[in-house]
């Protein structure tokens, strides 16, 4: 079973107490898992933002795979043989998210969708 949020946890440890990690996740189910992992690992330097990122702010359908291939969640219908359901999610521009969080400079970046 994959460890959801592994890169988020690694980034949290890497930047240390003086650093800051911002994790972006649109899936409500994944957010619950990520928040649990943050608590369990004492990652107080990490903020979880519940939204999708995109050029045009608003809302979009997020396709969630109900099965083993849950890493295929996407704003586009994934080509999987497992059941897929949709939820509406907020879409925000990256610059807007960073401005709201008071981030004026981005340093050594790590990116991961999970």
N, C-alpha and C. Protein backbone atom coordinates (compact mmCIF):
# COMPACT_ATOMS: atom_id res chain seq x y z
N UNK A 1 0.84 -1.18 0.00
CA UNK A 1 0.00 0.00 0.00
C UNK A 1 0.89 1.24 0.00
N UNK A 2 0.59 2.22 -0.89
CA UNK A 2 1.41 3.43 -0.94
C UNK A 2 1.23 4.29 0.31
N UNK A 3 2.26 5.04 0.62
CA UNK A 3 2.18 5.98 1.74
C UNK A 3 1.76 7.32 1.15
N UNK A 4 0.52 7.71 1.40
CA UNK A 4 0.02 8.97 0.87
C UNK A 4 0.66 10.12 1.63
N UNK A 5 1.16 11.09 0.87
CA UNK A 5 1.80 12.24 1.48
C UNK A 5 3.27 12.03 1.78
N UNK A 6 3.87 11.00 1.21
CA UNK A 6 5.27 10.70 1.50
C UNK A 6 6.17 11.90 1.18
N UNK A 7 6.01 12.50 0.00
CA UNK A 7 6.87 13.61 -0.38
C UNK A 7 6.60 14.84 0.49
N UNK A 8 5.37 15.01 0.90
CA UNK A 8 5.03 16.10 1.82
C UNK A 8 5.78 15.92 3.14
N UNK A 9 5.78 14.69 3.66
CA UNK A 9 6.47 14.41 4.91
C UNK A 9 7.97 14.56 4.76
N UNK A 10 8.53 14.08 3.64
CA UNK A 10 9.96 14.24 3.39
C UNK A 10 10.34 15.72 3.29
N UNK A 11 9.52 16.50 2.60
CA UNK A 11 9.80 17.93 2.48
C UNK A 11 9.74 18.61 3.84
N UNK A 12 8.79 18.22 4.66
CA UNK A 12 8.67 18.79 6.00
C UNK A 12 9.93 18.54 6.82
N UNK A 13 10.43 17.31 6.76
CA UNK A 13 11.65 16.97 7.48
C UNK A 13 12.86 17.70 6.89
N UNK A 14 12.88 17.81 5.57
CA UNK A 14 14.03 18.44 4.87
C UNK A 14 14.17 19.92 5.21
N UNK A 15 13.06 20.66 5.22
CA UNK A 15 13.16 22.11 5.48
C UNK A 15 13.33 22.41 6.97
N UNK A 16 12.98 21.44 7.81
CA UNK A 16 13.17 21.62 9.26
C UNK A 16 12.21 22.64 9.85
N UNK A 17 12.43 22.93 11.14
CA UNK A 17 11.51 23.82 11.86
C UNK A 17 11.54 25.24 11.33
N UNK A 18 12.64 25.65 10.71
CA UNK A 18 12.73 27.01 10.17
C UNK A 18 12.13 27.15 8.80
N UNK A 19 11.75 26.04 8.19
CA UNK A 19 11.20 26.08 6.84
C UNK A 19 9.68 25.99 6.85
N UNK A 20 9.14 25.99 5.66
CA UNK A 20 7.68 25.95 5.51
C UNK A 20 7.34 25.14 4.27
N UNK A 21 6.39 24.23 4.42
CA UNK A 21 5.91 23.42 3.30
C UNK A 21 4.44 23.73 3.08
N UNK A 22 4.07 23.93 1.83
CA UNK A 22 2.68 24.16 1.47
C UNK A 22 2.26 23.00 0.57
N UNK A 23 1.32 22.22 1.04
CA UNK A 23 0.82 21.07 0.29
C UNK A 23 -0.54 21.43 -0.30
N UNK A 24 -0.71 21.21 -1.58
CA UNK A 24 -1.96 21.52 -2.28
C UNK A 24 -2.64 20.20 -2.62
N UNK A 25 -3.90 20.06 -2.22
CA UNK A 25 -4.63 18.81 -2.50
C UNK A 25 -6.11 19.12 -2.68
N UNK A 26 -6.71 18.77 -3.83
CA UNK A 26 -8.13 19.03 -4.03
C UNK A 26 -9.06 17.95 -3.49
N UNK A 27 -8.59 16.72 -3.35
CA UNK A 27 -9.47 15.62 -2.96
C UNK A 27 -9.80 15.67 -1.46
N UNK A 28 -11.08 15.76 -1.11
CA UNK A 28 -11.45 15.77 0.31
C UNK A 28 -10.96 14.53 1.06
N UNK A 29 -11.02 13.37 0.41
CA UNK A 29 -10.60 12.12 1.05
C UNK A 29 -9.09 12.13 1.28
N UNK A 30 -8.33 12.58 0.28
CA UNK A 30 -6.88 12.66 0.43
C UNK A 30 -6.50 13.68 1.50
N UNK A 31 -7.23 14.78 1.58
CA UNK A 31 -6.93 15.79 2.61
C UNK A 31 -7.05 15.19 4.01
N UNK A 32 -8.05 14.36 4.21
CA UNK A 32 -8.20 13.70 5.52
C UNK A 32 -6.98 12.84 5.82
N UNK A 33 -6.54 12.08 4.84
CA UNK A 33 -5.37 11.23 5.03
C UNK A 33 -4.11 12.06 5.30
N UNK A 34 -3.94 13.13 4.53
CA UNK A 34 -2.76 13.98 4.70
C UNK A 34 -2.74 14.66 6.06
N UNK A 35 -3.90 15.15 6.49
CA UNK A 35 -3.97 15.78 7.82
C UNK A 35 -3.61 14.78 8.91
N UNK A 36 -4.05 13.56 8.77
CA UNK A 36 -3.71 12.50 9.74
C UNK A 36 -2.20 12.28 9.78
N UNK A 37 -1.58 12.21 8.61
CA UNK A 37 -0.14 12.00 8.54
C UNK A 37 0.62 13.19 9.13
N UNK A 38 0.13 14.40 8.90
CA UNK A 38 0.77 15.58 9.47
C UNK A 38 0.74 15.54 10.99
N UNK A 39 -0.42 15.17 11.54
CA UNK A 39 -0.54 15.07 13.01
C UNK A 39 0.35 13.97 13.56
N UNK A 40 0.29 12.80 12.94
CA UNK A 40 1.07 11.66 13.43
C UNK A 40 2.57 11.93 13.42
N UNK A 41 3.03 12.74 12.47
CA UNK A 41 4.45 13.00 12.31
C UNK A 41 4.89 14.35 12.87
N UNK A 42 3.97 15.07 13.52
CA UNK A 42 4.32 16.34 14.14
C UNK A 42 4.85 17.37 13.16
N UNK A 43 4.27 17.44 11.99
CA UNK A 43 4.73 18.36 10.95
C UNK A 43 4.04 19.72 11.07
N UNK A 44 4.40 20.49 12.08
CA UNK A 44 3.76 21.78 12.28
C UNK A 44 4.25 22.84 11.30
N UNK A 45 5.24 22.52 10.49
CA UNK A 45 5.75 23.46 9.49
C UNK A 45 5.08 23.28 8.13
N UNK A 46 4.03 22.48 8.08
CA UNK A 46 3.36 22.17 6.83
C UNK A 46 1.90 22.64 6.85
N UNK A 47 1.51 23.33 5.79
CA UNK A 47 0.13 23.79 5.64
C UNK A 47 -0.52 23.04 4.48
N UNK A 48 -1.73 22.60 4.70
CA UNK A 48 -2.48 21.90 3.67
C UNK A 48 -3.55 22.83 3.13
N UNK A 49 -3.50 23.08 1.83
CA UNK A 49 -4.47 23.94 1.16
C UNK A 49 -5.38 23.05 0.33
N UNK A 50 -6.67 23.12 0.62
CA UNK A 50 -7.66 22.26 -0.03
C UNK A 50 -8.19 22.92 -1.30
N UNK A 51 -7.51 22.68 -2.41
CA UNK A 51 -7.97 23.19 -3.69
C UNK A 51 -7.16 22.55 -4.80
N UNK A 52 -7.64 22.74 -6.03
CA UNK A 52 -6.86 22.39 -7.21
C UNK A 52 -6.21 23.68 -7.70
N UNK A 53 -5.12 23.55 -8.42
CA UNK A 53 -4.47 24.71 -8.99
C UNK A 53 -4.77 24.78 -10.47
N UNK A 54 -4.99 26.00 -10.96
CA UNK A 54 -5.27 26.17 -12.37
C UNK A 54 -5.16 27.61 -12.78
N UNK A 55 -5.19 27.83 -14.06
CA UNK A 55 -5.07 29.16 -14.63
C UNK A 55 -6.33 30.00 -14.40
N UNK A 56 -7.49 29.33 -14.44
CA UNK A 56 -8.77 30.03 -14.30
C UNK A 56 -9.42 29.67 -12.97
N UNK A 57 -9.50 30.61 -12.01
CA UNK A 57 -10.12 30.31 -10.73
C UNK A 57 -11.61 30.03 -10.87
N UNK A 58 -12.12 29.25 -9.94
CA UNK A 58 -13.54 28.90 -9.95
C UNK A 58 -13.74 27.53 -9.33
N UNK A 59 -14.54 26.71 -9.99
CA UNK A 59 -14.78 25.34 -9.55
C UNK A 59 -14.62 24.40 -10.73
N UNK A 60 -14.34 23.14 -10.39
CA UNK A 60 -14.20 22.11 -11.43
C UNK A 60 -14.62 20.77 -10.86
N UNK A 61 -14.88 19.82 -11.75
CA UNK A 61 -15.15 18.45 -11.33
C UNK A 61 -13.82 17.74 -11.14
N UNK A 62 -13.66 17.12 -9.98
CA UNK A 62 -12.50 16.28 -9.72
C UNK A 62 -12.97 14.85 -9.80
N UNK A 63 -12.31 14.05 -10.63
CA UNK A 63 -12.65 12.64 -10.80
C UNK A 63 -11.84 11.83 -9.80
N UNK A 64 -12.53 11.11 -8.94
CA UNK A 64 -11.90 10.30 -7.90
C UNK A 64 -12.07 8.83 -8.24
N UNK A 65 -10.97 8.11 -8.25
CA UNK A 65 -10.99 6.68 -8.54
C UNK A 65 -11.28 5.94 -7.24
N UNK A 66 -12.34 5.16 -7.24
CA UNK A 66 -12.71 4.36 -6.06
C UNK A 66 -12.11 2.97 -6.20
N UNK A 67 -10.86 2.85 -5.92
CA UNK A 67 -10.21 1.56 -6.04
C UNK A 67 -8.71 1.69 -5.86
N UNK A 68 -8.02 0.66 -6.27
CA UNK A 68 -6.58 0.58 -6.08
C UNK A 68 -5.83 1.72 -6.76
N UNK A 69 -6.31 2.16 -7.92
CA UNK A 69 -5.61 3.19 -8.70
C UNK A 69 -6.02 4.61 -8.28
N UNK A 70 -6.12 4.84 -6.97
CA UNK A 70 -6.57 6.16 -6.51
C UNK A 70 -5.55 7.26 -6.76
N UNK A 71 -4.35 6.92 -7.22
CA UNK A 71 -3.38 7.95 -7.60
C UNK A 71 -3.73 8.56 -8.95
N UNK A 72 -4.76 8.04 -9.61
CA UNK A 72 -5.18 8.55 -10.91
C UNK A 72 -6.25 9.64 -10.80
N UNK A 73 -6.55 10.11 -9.58
CA UNK A 73 -7.51 11.20 -9.42
C UNK A 73 -7.07 12.37 -10.30
N UNK A 74 -8.03 13.03 -10.94
CA UNK A 74 -7.66 14.05 -11.91
C UNK A 74 -8.83 14.99 -12.20
N UNK A 75 -8.51 16.14 -12.77
CA UNK A 75 -9.54 17.05 -13.26
C UNK A 75 -10.06 16.58 -14.62
N UNK A 76 -9.43 15.57 -15.17
CA UNK A 76 -9.90 14.92 -16.40
C UNK A 76 -10.28 13.49 -16.06
N UNK A 77 -11.27 12.96 -16.75
CA UNK A 77 -11.68 11.58 -16.48
C UNK A 77 -10.51 10.64 -16.75
N UNK A 78 -10.08 9.89 -15.72
CA UNK A 78 -8.95 8.98 -15.92
C UNK A 78 -9.38 7.72 -16.66
N UNK A 79 -8.45 7.17 -17.42
CA UNK A 79 -8.71 5.95 -18.18
C UNK A 79 -8.33 4.75 -17.31
N UNK A 80 -9.24 4.38 -16.41
CA UNK A 80 -9.03 3.24 -15.52
C UNK A 80 -10.25 2.34 -15.59
N UNK A 81 -10.06 1.10 -15.20
CA UNK A 81 -11.16 0.15 -15.22
C UNK A 81 -11.92 0.10 -13.91
N UNK A 82 -11.65 1.01 -13.01
CA UNK A 82 -12.29 1.03 -11.70
C UNK A 82 -13.37 2.12 -11.66
N UNK A 83 -14.30 2.02 -10.71
CA UNK A 83 -15.34 3.04 -10.61
C UNK A 83 -14.74 4.43 -10.36
N UNK A 84 -15.35 5.42 -10.98
CA UNK A 84 -14.92 6.81 -10.84
C UNK A 84 -16.12 7.63 -10.43
N UNK A 85 -15.92 8.53 -9.46
CA UNK A 85 -17.00 9.45 -9.07
C UNK A 85 -16.46 10.87 -9.16
N UNK A 86 -17.36 11.84 -9.16
CA UNK A 86 -16.96 13.23 -9.27
C UNK A 86 -17.35 14.01 -8.02
N UNK A 87 -16.50 14.96 -7.67
CA UNK A 87 -16.82 15.94 -6.63
C UNK A 87 -16.43 17.31 -7.17
N UNK A 88 -17.15 18.33 -6.75
CA UNK A 88 -16.81 19.70 -7.13
C UNK A 88 -15.72 20.20 -6.20
N UNK A 89 -14.71 20.84 -6.76
CA UNK A 89 -13.63 21.38 -5.97
C UNK A 89 -13.32 22.81 -6.40
N UNK A 90 -12.74 23.54 -5.49
CA UNK A 90 -12.29 24.89 -5.77
C UNK A 90 -11.02 24.84 -6.60
N UNK A 91 -10.92 25.72 -7.60
CA UNK A 91 -9.71 25.86 -8.40
C UNK A 91 -9.18 27.27 -8.16
N UNK A 92 -7.90 27.34 -7.81
CA UNK A 92 -7.28 28.63 -7.51
C UNK A 92 -5.98 28.78 -8.28
N UNK A 93 -5.65 30.02 -8.58
CA UNK A 93 -4.37 30.30 -9.23
C UNK A 93 -3.25 30.16 -8.21
N UNK A 94 -2.12 29.56 -8.58
CA UNK A 94 -1.01 29.41 -7.64
C UNK A 94 -0.57 30.72 -7.00
N UNK A 95 -0.48 31.78 -7.80
CA UNK A 95 -0.06 33.08 -7.26
C UNK A 95 -1.03 33.59 -6.21
N UNK A 96 -2.33 33.33 -6.40
CA UNK A 96 -3.33 33.78 -5.43
C UNK A 96 -3.18 33.03 -4.10
N UNK A 97 -2.94 31.72 -4.19
CA UNK A 97 -2.75 30.91 -2.97
C UNK A 97 -1.54 31.40 -2.20
N UNK A 98 -0.43 31.61 -2.92
CA UNK A 98 0.79 32.05 -2.25
C UNK A 98 0.62 33.44 -1.64
N UNK A 99 -0.05 34.35 -2.34
CA UNK A 99 -0.28 35.69 -1.80
C UNK A 99 -1.13 35.62 -0.54
N UNK A 100 -2.17 34.80 -0.54
CA UNK A 100 -3.03 34.66 0.63
C UNK A 100 -2.25 34.12 1.84
N UNK A 101 -1.28 33.26 1.57
CA UNK A 101 -0.48 32.68 2.64
C UNK A 101 0.70 33.58 3.03
N UNK A 102 0.85 34.71 2.35
CA UNK A 102 1.94 35.62 2.67
C UNK A 102 3.30 35.16 2.19
N UNK A 103 3.30 34.35 1.14
CA UNK A 103 4.56 33.84 0.60
C UNK A 103 5.01 34.78 -0.52
N UNK A 104 6.15 35.43 -0.32
CA UNK A 104 6.66 36.34 -1.33
C UNK A 104 7.86 35.75 -2.07
N UNK A 105 8.47 34.71 -1.50
CA UNK A 105 9.62 34.07 -2.12
C UNK A 105 9.48 32.56 -1.97
N UNK A 106 9.73 31.84 -3.05
CA UNK A 106 9.67 30.38 -3.02
C UNK A 106 11.09 29.87 -3.21
N UNK A 107 11.53 29.04 -2.26
CA UNK A 107 12.88 28.49 -2.33
C UNK A 107 12.89 27.10 -2.90
N UNK A 108 13.83 26.30 -2.46
CA UNK A 108 13.99 24.93 -2.94
C UNK A 108 12.65 24.22 -2.97
N UNK A 109 12.12 24.01 -4.14
CA UNK A 109 10.77 23.45 -4.28
C UNK A 109 10.81 21.96 -4.50
N UNK A 110 9.87 21.29 -3.90
CA UNK A 110 9.59 19.89 -4.16
C UNK A 110 8.17 19.86 -4.68
N UNK A 111 7.89 19.01 -5.62
CA UNK A 111 6.53 18.89 -6.11
C UNK A 111 6.12 17.42 -6.08
N UNK A 112 4.90 17.19 -5.66
CA UNK A 112 4.34 15.85 -5.74
C UNK A 112 2.84 15.95 -5.73
N UNK A 113 2.19 15.10 -6.51
CA UNK A 113 0.73 15.06 -6.49
C UNK A 113 0.22 14.16 -5.36
N UNK A 114 1.11 13.39 -4.72
CA UNK A 114 0.72 12.53 -3.60
C UNK A 114 1.83 12.51 -2.60
